[in-house]
Amino acid sequence: MSPLDFSVEELENLFDLANDIEVNQDKYQDACAGKILATCFYEPSTRTRLSFESAMLRMGGSVLGFSDAGSSSASKGESVSDTIRMISCYANICAMRHHKEGAPMVAAGKSSIPVINAGDGGHQHPTQTLTDLLTIRSLKGRLGNFTIGLCGDLKFGRTVHSLIHALERYAGIKFIFISPEELRVPDYITDSLKNKKIPFEEVIRLDDVISQLDFLYMTRVQKERFFNEEDYVRLKDFYILDKAKMSNAKADMLVLHPLPRVNEIAVDIDEDPRAAYFRQVQYGVYVRMALILTLLEYTGGIKC
């Protein structure tokens, strides 16, 4: 499952459902009673796994699964294909995170139940992207006609890659990529933007562009994606968003972050009304509820 698997119209329907869930939660409290979500997480996660589990439990469903590869039969050498065939006998829908790019797609090809990609290596993080899009639409009232700055680890950041691909389909978007040379966005992404004539620029200093932004999407430098400690230590504090930087931003700019945060956003920014990253977490639950309902063909008023 990728956001690009949905048409723009289908995404709007998904977000409309998520917003209805937000304001009418009692309506959905038994929508998935009797259904089981399997969370197959071959890579550690807190937010994504718990968000999926919260989403299913809020709808009266049940959850089973594993939280790292070491507690699954993968530690014995079982393939992803065999694991998903087994899981298909136990659950109605699966959310999978894997350290290898493309693993959830392989699983989906062998599964008899819907498989949701909950993140695969440095490649994609589709449900985070759905969260980001819902947050932008809910807080700004639109998807399109804004300038977004993406700051930090743009090379390994799968949330960044997914979000760029998703926003390419909306009119009036300008991207500003803010990163050190070593963590620049991959060429295949900038080549795609050039081919589609979507405006973007690449800069190193956040201070130079923050005043232009409608959204600032901060990311952490991911230690787990580096091959050596020295490079990580050198780059981990390259960007720190603080009050001084925020003083130059628009009064209505919003700060997003997929979390977890290390120290790239100073904690005193949390009280700034422009800090939207914890609201973003809540929207993540609503959009995952909507996605589960959609994939299980919920029709409203009828259980999955």
C-alpha atoms as a PDB file:
ATOM      1  CA  MET A   1       0.000   0.000   0.000  1.00  0.00           C
ATOM      2  CA  SER A   2       1.329   3.390  -1.060  1.00  0.00           C
ATOM      3  CA  PRO A   3      -0.443   6.768  -1.104  1.00  0.00           C
ATOM      4  CA  LEU A   4       0.087   6.641  -4.877  1.00  0.00           C
ATOM      5  CA  ASP A   5      -2.094   3.533  -4.976  1.00  0.00           C
ATOM      6  CA  PHE A   6      -4.986   5.903  -4.270  1.00  0.00           C
ATOM      7  CA  SER A   7      -6.280   8.482  -6.721  1.00  0.00           C
ATOM      8  CA  VAL A   8      -6.547  12.065  -5.461  1.00  0.00           C
ATOM      9  CA  GLU A   9     -10.311  11.552  -5.221  1.00  0.00           C
ATOM     10  CA  GLU A  10      -9.849   8.372  -3.181  1.00  0.00           C
ATOM     11  CA  LEU A  11      -7.472  10.207  -0.864  1.00  0.00           C
ATOM     12  CA  GLU A  12     -10.061  12.939  -0.355  1.00  0.00           C
ATOM     13  CA  ASN A  13     -12.632  10.280   0.553  1.00  0.00           C
ATOM     14  CA  LEU A  14     -10.167   8.710   2.986  1.00  0.00           C
ATOM     15  CA  PHE A  15      -9.460  12.081   4.619  1.00  0.00           C
ATOM     16  CA  ASP A  16     -13.177  12.902   4.790  1.00  0.00           C
ATOM     17  CA  LEU A  17     -13.684   9.619   6.640  1.00  0.00           C
ATOM     18  CA  ALA A  18     -10.775  10.399   8.984  1.00  0.00           C
ATOM     19  CA  ASN A  19     -12.244  13.820   9.777  1.00  0.00           C
ATOM     20  CA  ASP A  20     -15.643  12.224  10.424  1.00  0.00           C
ATOM     21  CA  ILE A  21     -13.968   9.778  12.808  1.00  0.00           C
ATOM     22  CA  GLU A  22     -12.318  12.749  14.547  1.00  0.00           C
ATOM     23  CA  VAL A  23     -15.655  14.371  15.400  1.00  0.00           C
ATOM     24  CA  ASN A  24     -17.854  11.255  15.708  1.00  0.00           C
ATOM     25  CA  GLN A  25     -15.691   8.655  17.427  1.00  0.00           C
ATOM     26  CA  ASP A  26     -18.615   6.913  19.140  1.00  0.00           C
ATOM     27  CA  LYS A  27     -20.045   6.099  15.714  1.00  0.00           C
ATOM     28  CA  TYR A  28     -17.031   3.869  14.953  1.00  0.00           C
ATOM     29  CA  GLN A  29     -16.362   2.255  18.318  1.00  0.00           C
ATOM     30  CA  ASP A  30     -17.626  -1.176  17.225  1.00  0.00           C
ATOM     31  CA  ALA A  31     -16.917  -0.893  13.498  1.00  0.00           C
ATOM     32  CA  CYS A  32     -14.244  -3.628  13.564  1.00  0.00           C
ATOM     33  CA  ALA A  33     -15.602  -5.877  16.287  1.00  0.00           C
ATOM     34  CA  GLY A  34     -14.576  -9.449  15.502  1.00  0.00           C
ATOM     35  CA  LYS A  35     -11.733  -8.373  13.192  1.00  0.00           C
ATOM     36  CA  ILE A  36      -8.005  -8.829  13.877  1.00  0.00           C
ATOM     37  CA  LEU A  37      -5.085  -6.625  12.877  1.00  0.00           C
ATOM     38  CA  ALA A  38      -1.627  -8.252  12.737  1.00  0.00           C
ATOM     39  CA  THR A  39       1.299  -5.902  13.353  1.00  0.00           C
ATOM     40  CA  CYS A  40       4.412  -7.496  11.856  1.00  0.00           C
ATOM     41  CA  PHE A  41       7.273  -5.190  12.787  1.00  0.00           C
ATOM     42  CA  TYR A  42      10.678  -6.522  11.784  1.00  0.00           C
ATOM     43  CA  GLU A  43      12.190  -3.172  12.797  1.00  0.00           C
ATOM     44  CA  PRO A  44      11.696  -1.338  16.135  1.00  0.00           C
ATOM     45  CA  SER A  45       8.899   1.216  16.265  1.00  0.00           C
ATOM     46  CA  THR A  46       6.897   2.977  18.934  1.00  0.00           C
ATOM     47  CA  ARG A  47       4.679   5.561  17.274  1.00  0.00           C
ATOM     48  CA  THR A  48       3.670   3.667  14.148  1.00  0.00           C
ATOM     49  CA  ARG A  49       2.995   0.322  15.817  1.00  0.00           C
ATOM     50  CA  LEU A  50       1.086   1.819  18.746  1.00  0.00           C
ATOM     51  CA  SER A  51      -0.837   4.112  16.396  1.00  0.00           C
ATOM     52  CA  PHE A  52      -2.031   1.106  14.378  1.00  0.00           C
ATOM     53  CA  GLU A  53      -2.914  -0.797  17.532  1.00  0.00           C
ATOM     54  CA  SER A  54      -4.744   2.203  18.982  1.00  0.00           C
ATOM     55  CA  ALA A  55      -6.641   2.629  15.707  1.00  0.00           C
ATOM     56  CA  MET A  56      -7.861  -0.982  15.685  1.00  0.00           C
ATOM     57  CA  LEU A  57      -8.688  -1.101  19.388  1.00  0.00           C
ATOM     58  CA  ARG A  58     -10.681   2.150  19.191  1.00  0.00           C
ATOM     59  CA  MET A  59     -12.896   0.428  16.616  1.00  0.00           C
ATOM     60  CA  GLY A  60     -13.523  -2.633  18.747  1.00  0.00           C
ATOM     61  CA  GLY A  61     -11.080  -4.893  16.898  1.00  0.00           C
ATOM     62  CA  SER A  62      -8.226  -7.011  18.244  1.00  0.00           C
ATOM     63  CA  VAL A  63      -4.480  -6.968  17.649  1.00  0.00           C
ATOM     64  CA  LEU A  64      -1.753  -9.602  17.490  1.00  0.00           C
ATOM     65  CA  GLY A  65       1.787  -9.568  16.186  1.00  0.00           C
ATOM     66  CA  PHE A  66       5.461  -9.030  16.995  1.00  0.00           C
ATOM     67  CA  SER A  67       7.527  -5.912  17.613  1.00  0.00           C
ATOM     68  CA  ASP A  68      10.925  -6.979  16.264  1.00  0.00           C
ATOM     69  CA  ALA A  69      12.370  -9.656  14.017  1.00  0.00           C
ATOM     70  CA  GLY A  70      14.080 -11.385  16.926  1.00  0.00           C
ATOM     71  CA  SER A  71      10.740 -12.333  18.446  1.00  0.00           C
ATOM     72  CA  SER A  72       9.436 -13.823  15.184  1.00  0.00           C
ATOM     73  CA  SER A  73      10.299 -16.889  13.140  1.00  0.00           C
ATOM     74  CA  ALA A  74      12.440 -14.621  10.954  1.00  0.00           C
ATOM     75  CA  SER A  75      15.139 -15.321  13.550  1.00  0.00           C
ATOM     76  CA  LYS A  76      14.914 -18.972  12.452  1.00  0.00           C
ATOM     77  CA  GLY A  77      15.205 -18.046   8.784  1.00  0.00           C
ATOM     78  CA  GLU A  78      11.532 -17.941   7.790  1.00  0.00           C
ATOM     79  CA  SER A  79      10.871 -15.853   4.684  1.00  0.00           C
ATOM     80  CA  VAL A  80       8.525 -12.869   4.548  1.00  0.00           C
ATOM     81  CA  SER A  81       6.398 -14.793   2.033  1.00  0.00           C
ATOM     82  CA  ASP A  82       5.898 -17.703   4.404  1.00  0.00           C
ATOM     83  CA  THR A  83       5.269 -15.421   7.377  1.00  0.00           C
ATOM     84  CA  ILE A  84       2.487 -13.502   5.617  1.00  0.00           C
ATOM     85  CA  ARG A  85       0.857 -16.727   4.423  1.00  0.00           C
ATOM     86  CA  MET A  86       0.745 -17.845   8.032  1.00  0.00           C
ATOM     87  CA  ILE A  87      -0.482 -14.461   9.287  1.00  0.00           C
ATOM     88  CA  SER A  88      -3.248 -14.548   6.658  1.00  0.00           C
ATOM     89  CA  CYS A  89      -4.708 -17.529   8.516  1.00  0.00           C
ATOM     90  CA  TYR A  90      -4.813 -15.595  11.796  1.00  0.00           C
ATOM     91  CA  ALA A  91      -5.807 -12.020  10.941  1.00  0.00           C
ATOM     92  CA  ASN A  92      -8.018  -9.967   8.634  1.00  0.00           C
ATOM     93  CA  ILE A  93      -5.465  -7.249   7.848  1.00  0.00           C
ATOM     94  CA  CYS A  94      -1.727  -6.740   8.400  1.00  0.00           C
ATOM     95  CA  ALA A  95       0.524  -3.724   9.017  1.00  0.00           C
ATOM     96  CA  MET A  96       4.154  -4.559   8.203  1.00  0.00           C
ATOM     97  CA  ARG A  97       7.382  -2.677   8.861  1.00  0.00           C
ATOM     98  CA  HIS A  98      10.598  -4.119   7.477  1.00  0.00           C
ATOM     99  CA  HIS A  99      14.214  -3.014   7.211  1.00  0.00           C
ATOM    100  CA  LYS A 100      14.434  -4.219   3.593  1.00  0.00           C
ATOM    101  CA  GLU A 101      13.004  -2.040   0.844  1.00  0.00           C
ATOM    102  CA  GLY A 102      10.129  -3.698  -0.968  1.00  0.00           C
ATOM    103  CA  ALA A 103       9.461  -6.388   1.649  1.00  0.00           C
ATOM    104  CA  PRO A 104       5.842  -5.288   2.303  1.00  0.00           C
ATOM    105  CA  MET A 105       5.214  -5.346  -1.457  1.00  0.00           C
ATOM    106  CA  VAL A 106       6.523  -8.908  -1.628  1.00  0.00           C
ATOM    107  CA  ALA A 107       4.262  -9.809   1.283  1.00  0.00           C
ATOM    108  CA  ALA A 108       1.232  -8.204  -0.361  1.00  0.00           C
ATOM    109  CA  GLY A 109       1.813 -10.345  -3.448  1.00  0.00           C
ATOM    110  CA  LYS A 110       1.626 -13.536  -1.376  1.00  0.00           C
ATOM    111  CA  SER A 111      -1.069 -12.489   1.097  1.00  0.00           C
ATOM    112  CA  SER A 112      -4.775 -13.250   1.076  1.00  0.00           C
ATOM    113  CA  ILE A 113      -5.459 -10.259   3.363  1.00  0.00           C
ATOM    114  CA  PRO A 114      -4.687  -6.529   2.887  1.00  0.00           C
ATOM    115  CA  VAL A 115      -1.077  -5.617   3.770  1.00  0.00           C
ATOM    116  CA  ILE A 116      -0.298  -2.052   4.804  1.00  0.00           C
ATOM    117  CA  ASN A 117       3.273  -0.837   4.369  1.00  0.00           C
ATOM    118  CA  ALA A 118       4.245   0.630   7.755  1.00  0.00           C
ATOM    119  CA  GLY A 119       7.734   1.555   6.520  1.00  0.00           C
ATOM    120  CA  ASP A 120      10.356  -0.297   4.489  1.00  0.00           C
ATOM    121  CA  GLY A 121      14.018   0.570   4.935  1.00  0.00           C
ATOM    122  CA  GLY A 122      14.904   4.048   3.683  1.00  0.00           C
ATOM    123  CA  HIS A 123      12.307   3.763   0.925  1.00  0.00           C
ATOM    124  CA  GLN A 124       8.703   4.587   1.872  1.00  0.00           C
ATOM    125  CA  HIS A 125       6.544   5.277   4.906  1.00  0.00           C
ATOM    126  CA  PRO A 126       3.063   5.524   3.357  1.00  0.00           C
ATOM    127  CA  THR A 127       0.897   5.828   6.466  1.00  0.00           C
ATOM    128  CA  GLN A 128       3.105   8.601   7.815  1.00  0.00           C
ATOM    129  CA  THR A 129       2.525  10.360   4.516  1.00  0.00           C
ATOM    130  CA  LEU A 130      -1.232   9.916   4.878  1.00  0.00           C
ATOM    131  CA  THR A 131      -0.855  11.381   8.370  1.00  0.00           C
ATOM    132  CA  ASP A 132       1.097  14.341   6.988  1.00  0.00           C
ATOM    133  CA  LEU A 133      -1.431  15.003   4.227  1.00  0.00           C
ATOM    134  CA  LEU A 134      -4.389  14.793   6.603  1.00  0.00           C
ATOM    135  CA  THR A 135      -2.640  17.145   9.046  1.00  0.00           C
ATOM    136  CA  ILE A 136      -1.931  19.696   6.304  1.00  0.00           C
ATOM    137  CA  ARG A 137      -5.473  19.510   4.932  1.00  0.00           C
ATOM    138  CA  SER A 138      -7.106  19.675   8.366  1.00  0.00           C
ATOM    139  CA  LEU A 139      -5.034  22.585   9.674  1.00  0.00           C
ATOM    140  CA  LYS A 140      -4.740  24.621   6.455  1.00  0.00           C
ATOM    141  CA  GLY A 141      -7.969  23.598   4.758  1.00  0.00           C
ATOM    142  CA  ARG A 142      -6.273  22.589   1.522  1.00  0.00           C
ATOM    143  CA  LEU A 143      -3.681  20.412  -0.158  1.00  0.00           C
ATOM    144  CA  GLY A 144      -1.809  22.575  -2.619  1.00  0.00           C
ATOM    145  CA  ASN A 145      -0.716  26.175  -3.157  1.00  0.00           C
ATOM    146  CA  PHE A 146       1.947  26.391  -0.477  1.00  0.00           C
ATOM    147  CA  THR A 147       5.705  26.304   0.027  1.00  0.00           C
ATOM    148  CA  ILE A 148       7.060  23.495   2.165  1.00  0.00           C
ATOM    149  CA  GLY A 149      10.580  23.223   3.519  1.00  0.00           C
ATOM    150  CA  LEU A 150      11.927  19.771   4.317  1.00  0.00           C
ATOM    151  CA  CYS A 151      14.862  19.951   6.675  1.00  0.00           C
ATOM    152  CA  GLY A 152      17.475  17.504   7.967  1.00  0.00           C
ATOM    153  CA  ASP A 153      18.054  13.975   6.728  1.00  0.00           C
ATOM    154  CA  LEU A 154      16.648  14.071   3.204  1.00  0.00           C
ATOM    155  CA  LYS A 155      18.829  11.216   1.947  1.00  0.00           C
ATOM    156  CA  PHE A 156      17.676   8.394   4.225  1.00  0.00           C
ATOM    157  CA  GLY A 157      14.383   9.897   5.420  1.00  0.00           C
ATOM    158  CA  ARG A 158      11.645   7.640   4.050  1.00  0.00           C
ATOM    159  CA  THR A 159       8.957   9.972   5.424  1.00  0.00           C
ATOM    160  CA  VAL A 160      10.422  12.763   3.284  1.00  0.00           C
ATOM    161  CA  HIS A 161      10.568  10.628   0.143  1.00  0.00           C
ATOM    162  CA  SER A 162       6.964   9.490   0.544  1.00  0.00           C
ATOM    163  CA  LEU A 163       5.670  12.988   1.237  1.00  0.00           C
ATOM    164  CA  ILE A 164       7.398  14.499  -1.800  1.00  0.00           C
ATOM    165  CA  HIS A 165       5.938  11.836  -4.100  1.00  0.00           C
ATOM    166  CA  ALA A 166       2.457  12.385  -2.666  1.00  0.00           C
ATOM    167  CA  LEU A 167       2.572  16.191  -2.916  1.00  0.00           C
ATOM    168  CA  GLU A 168       3.761  16.068  -6.547  1.00  0.00           C
ATOM    169  CA  ARG A 169       0.140  15.499  -7.541  1.00  0.00           C
ATOM    170  CA  TYR A 170      -1.154  18.757  -6.071  1.00  0.00           C
ATOM    171  CA  ALA A 171      -1.013  22.138  -7.797  1.00  0.00           C
ATOM    172  CA  GLY A 172       0.990  25.116  -6.607  1.00  0.00           C
ATOM    173  CA  ILE A 173       3.525  23.274  -4.447  1.00  0.00           C
ATOM    174  CA  LYS A 174       7.066  24.553  -4.104  1.00  0.00           C
ATOM    175  CA  PHE A 175       9.663  22.445  -2.294  1.00  0.00           C
ATOM    176  CA  ILE A 176      12.678  23.825  -0.472  1.00  0.00           C
ATOM    177  CA  PHE A 177      15.156  21.125   0.530  1.00  0.00           C
ATOM    178  CA  ILE A 178      17.322  22.095   3.491  1.00  0.00           C
ATOM    179  CA  SER A 179      20.181  19.735   4.270  1.00  0.00           C
ATOM    180  CA  PRO A 180      23.951  19.345   4.461  1.00  0.00           C
ATOM    181  CA  GLU A 181      25.587  18.110   1.265  1.00  0.00           C
ATOM    182  CA  GLU A 182      25.941  14.592   2.678  1.00  0.00           C
ATOM    183  CA  LEU A 183      22.196  14.254   3.343  1.00  0.00           C
ATOM    184  CA  ARG A 184      20.739  15.803   0.195  1.00  0.00           C
ATOM    185  CA  VAL A 185      17.548  14.425  -1.302  1.00  0.00           C
ATOM    186  CA  PRO A 186      18.349  11.607  -3.800  1.00  0.00           C
ATOM    187  CA  ASP A 187      18.787  12.488  -7.462  1.00  0.00           C
ATOM    188  CA  TYR A 188      15.877  10.324  -8.585  1.00  0.00           C
ATOM    189  CA  ILE A 189      13.538  12.605  -6.629  1.00  0.00           C
ATOM    190  CA  THR A 190      14.940  15.869  -7.954  1.00  0.00           C
ATOM    191  CA  ASP A 191      14.987  14.400 -11.477  1.00  0.00           C
ATOM    192  CA  SER A 192      11.297  13.570 -11.115  1.00  0.00           C
ATOM    193  CA  LEU A 193      10.516  17.113  -9.983  1.00  0.00           C
ATOM    194  CA  LYS A 194      12.448  18.557 -12.924  1.00  0.00           C
ATOM    195  CA  ASN A 195      10.609  16.326 -15.382  1.00  0.00           C
ATOM    196  CA  LYS A 196       7.265  17.415 -13.962  1.00  0.00           C
ATOM    197  CA  LYS A 197       8.346  21.078 -13.851  1.00  0.00           C
ATOM    198  CA  ILE A 198       7.644  21.311 -10.127  1.00  0.00           C
ATOM    199  CA  PRO A 199       9.673  24.143  -8.555  1.00  0.00           C
ATOM    200  CA  PHE A 200      12.244  23.327  -5.900  1.00  0.00           C
ATOM    201  CA  GLU A 201      15.499  24.624  -4.518  1.00  0.00           C
ATOM    202  CA  GLU A 202      18.240  23.119  -2.393  1.00  0.00           C
ATOM    203  CA  VAL A 203      19.913  25.095   0.381  1.00  0.00           C
ATOM    204  CA  ILE A 204      22.101  24.400   3.377  1.00  0.00           C
ATOM    205  CA  ARG A 205      21.035  27.132   5.826  1.00  0.00           C
ATOM    206  CA  LEU A 206      17.532  27.030   7.338  1.00  0.00           C
ATOM    207  CA  ASP A 207      17.843  30.692   8.333  1.00  0.00           C
ATOM    208  CA  ASP A 208      18.032  31.714   4.664  1.00  0.00           C
ATOM    209  CA  VAL A 209      14.592  30.360   3.747  1.00  0.00           C
ATOM    210  CA  ILE A 210      12.435  29.988   6.857  1.00  0.00           C
ATOM    211  CA  SER A 211      10.607  33.262   6.175  1.00  0.00           C
ATOM    212  CA  GLN A 212       9.317  31.834   2.856  1.00  0.00           C
ATOM    213  CA  LEU A 213       7.723  28.714   4.292  1.00  0.00           C
ATOM    214  CA  ASP A 214       4.092  27.802   4.924  1.00  0.00           C
ATOM    215  CA  PHE A 215       5.203  24.467   6.387  1.00  0.00           C
ATOM    216  CA  LEU A 216       8.509  23.352   7.874  1.00  0.00           C
ATOM    217  CA  TYR A 217       8.915  19.583   7.969  1.00  0.00           C
ATOM    218  CA  MET A 218      11.753  18.783  10.368  1.00  0.00           C
ATOM    219  CA  THR A 219      13.434  15.379  10.502  1.00  0.00           C
ATOM    220  CA  ARG A 220      16.007  13.803  12.759  1.00  0.00           C
ATOM    221  CA  VAL A 221      19.357  12.559  11.541  1.00  0.00           C
ATOM    222  CA  GLN A 222      18.824   8.808  11.756  1.00  0.00           C
ATOM    223  CA  LYS A 223      21.666   7.036  13.519  1.00  0.00           C
ATOM    224  CA  GLU A 224      20.424   3.626  12.364  1.00  0.00           C
ATOM    225  CA  ARG A 225      20.903   4.577   8.689  1.00  0.00           C
ATOM    226  CA  PHE A 226      24.602   5.463   9.035  1.00  0.00           C
ATOM    227  CA  PHE A 227      27.450   3.078   8.360  1.00  0.00           C
ATOM    228  CA  ASN A 228      29.798   4.710  10.857  1.00  0.00           C
ATOM    229  CA  GLU A 229      29.472   6.584  14.124  1.00  0.00           C
ATOM    230  CA  GLU A 230      31.793   9.409  13.079  1.00  0.00           C
ATOM    231  CA  ASP A 231      29.534  10.651  10.274  1.00  0.00           C
ATOM    232  CA  TYR A 232      26.470  10.504  12.514  1.00  0.00           C
ATOM    233  CA  VAL A 233      28.115  12.492  15.311  1.00  0.00           C
ATOM    234  CA  ARG A 234      29.302  15.122  12.842  1.00  0.00           C
ATOM    235  CA  LEU A 235      25.835  15.670  11.352  1.00  0.00           C
ATOM    236  CA  LYS A 236      23.347  14.948  14.143  1.00  0.00           C
ATOM    237  CA  ASP A 237      23.201  18.545  15.433  1.00  0.00           C
ATOM    238  CA  PHE A 238      23.433  20.251  12.049  1.00  0.00           C
ATOM    239  CA  TYR A 239      19.928  21.742  12.438  1.00  0.00           C
ATOM    240  CA  ILE A 240      18.246  22.791  15.659  1.00  0.00           C
ATOM    241  CA  LEU A 241      14.988  24.736  15.386  1.00  0.00           C
ATOM    242  CA  ASP A 242      14.849  27.261  18.222  1.00  0.00           C
ATOM    243  CA  LYS A 243      13.017  30.466  19.146  1.00  0.00           C
ATOM    244  CA  ALA A 244      15.520  32.633  17.304  1.00  0.00           C
ATOM    245  CA  LYS A 245      14.853  30.840  14.028  1.00  0.00           C
ATOM    246  CA  MET A 246      11.097  30.774  14.628  1.00  0.00           C
ATOM    247  CA  SER A 247      11.080  34.548  15.099  1.00  0.00           C
ATOM    248  CA  ASN A 248      11.778  34.882  11.370  1.00  0.00           C
ATOM    249  CA  ALA A 249       8.968  32.532  10.301  1.00  0.00           C
ATOM    250  CA  LYS A 250       5.465  33.483   9.178  1.00  0.00           C
ATOM    251  CA  ALA A 251       2.874  33.901  11.913  1.00  0.00           C
ATOM    252  CA  ASP A 252       0.842  31.043  10.415  1.00  0.00           C
ATOM    253  CA  MET A 253       3.667  28.709   9.415  1.00  0.00           C
ATOM    254  CA  LEU A 254       3.222  25.219  10.832  1.00  0.00           C
ATOM    255  CA  VAL A 255       6.022  22.954  12.037  1.00  0.00           C
ATOM    256  CA  LEU A 256       5.621  19.238  11.314  1.00  0.00           C
ATOM    257  CA  HIS A 257       7.832  16.322  12.378  1.00  0.00           C
ATOM    258  CA  PRO A 258       7.276  12.568  11.913  1.00  0.00           C
ATOM    259  CA  LEU A 259       8.899  11.929  15.320  1.00  0.00           C
ATOM    260  CA  PRO A 260      10.744  10.708  17.297  1.00  0.00           C
ATOM    261  CA  ARG A 261      12.512  13.956  18.007  1.00  0.00           C
ATOM    262  CA  VAL A 262      16.071  13.925  19.321  1.00  0.00           C
ATOM    263  CA  ASN A 263      17.208  17.537  19.643  1.00  0.00           C
ATOM    264  CA  GLU A 264      16.440  19.041  16.228  1.00  0.00           C
ATOM    265  CA  ILE A 265      13.486  20.968  17.699  1.00  0.00           C
ATOM    266  CA  ALA A 266      14.101  22.760  20.995  1.00  0.00           C
ATOM    267  CA  VAL A 267      11.534  21.739  23.611  1.00  0.00           C
ATOM    268  CA  ASP A 268      10.467  25.347  24.203  1.00  0.00           C
ATOM    269  CA  ILE A 269       9.065  25.363  20.655  1.00  0.00           C
ATOM    270  CA  ASP A 270       6.388  22.916  21.864  1.00  0.00           C
ATOM    271  CA  GLU A 271       4.417  25.809  23.370  1.00  0.00           C
ATOM    272  CA  ASP A 272       4.469  27.788  20.124  1.00  0.00           C
ATOM    273  CA  PRO A 273       1.010  27.590  18.484  1.00  0.00           C
ATOM    274  CA  ARG A 274       2.760  26.898  15.189  1.00  0.00           C
ATOM    275  CA  ALA A 275       4.131  23.587  16.546  1.00  0.00           C
ATOM    276  CA  ALA A 276       1.810  20.975  15.025  1.00  0.00           C
ATOM    277  CA  TYR A 277       3.755  17.727  15.496  1.00  0.00           C
ATOM    278  CA  PHE A 278       1.772  16.365  18.444  1.00  0.00           C
ATOM    279  CA  ARG A 279      -1.488  17.182  16.664  1.00  0.00           C
ATOM    280  CA  GLN A 280       0.064  15.317  13.746  1.00  0.00           C
ATOM    281  CA  VAL A 281       0.350  12.202  15.960  1.00  0.00           C
ATOM    282  CA  GLN A 282      -3.362  12.341  16.751  1.00  0.00           C
ATOM    283  CA  TYR A 283      -4.246  12.706  13.077  1.00  0.00           C
ATOM    284  CA  GLY A 284      -2.125   9.600  12.510  1.00  0.00           C
ATOM    285  CA  VAL A 285      -4.542   7.549  14.586  1.00  0.00           C
ATOM    286  CA  TYR A 286      -7.572   8.910  12.727  1.00  0.00           C
ATOM    287  CA  VAL A 287      -6.116   8.278   9.278  1.00  0.00           C
ATOM    288  CA  ARG A 288      -5.065   4.726  10.201  1.00  0.00           C
ATOM    289  CA  MET A 289      -8.578   4.074  11.477  1.00  0.00           C
ATOM    290  CA  ALA A 290      -9.932   5.335   8.157  1.00  0.00           C
ATOM    291  CA  LEU A 291      -7.431   3.250   6.190  1.00  0.00           C
ATOM    292  CA  ILE A 292      -8.263   0.051   8.060  1.00  0.00           C
ATOM    293  CA  LEU A 293     -11.977   0.678   7.536  1.00  0.00           C
ATOM    294  CA  THR A 294     -11.461   1.410   3.848  1.00  0.00           C
ATOM    295  CA  LEU A 295      -9.347  -1.687   3.192  1.00  0.00           C
ATOM    296  CA  LEU A 296     -11.858  -3.847   5.037  1.00  0.00           C
ATOM    297  CA  GLU A 297     -14.622  -2.280   2.947  1.00  0.00           C
ATOM    298  CA  TYR A 298     -16.497  -0.533   5.722  1.00  0.00           C
ATOM    299  CA  THR A 299     -19.775   0.858   4.384  1.00  0.00           C
ATOM    300  CA  GLY A 300     -20.936   3.032   7.281  1.00  0.00           C
ATOM    301  CA  GLY A 301     -23.222   1.765   9.998  1.00  0.00           C
ATOM    302  CA  ILE A 302     -22.178  -1.804   9.139  1.00  0.00           C
ATOM    303  CA  LYS A 303     -19.310  -3.640  10.771  1.00  0.00           C
ATOM    304  CA  CYS A 304     -16.195  -4.388   8.753  1.00  0.00           C
END
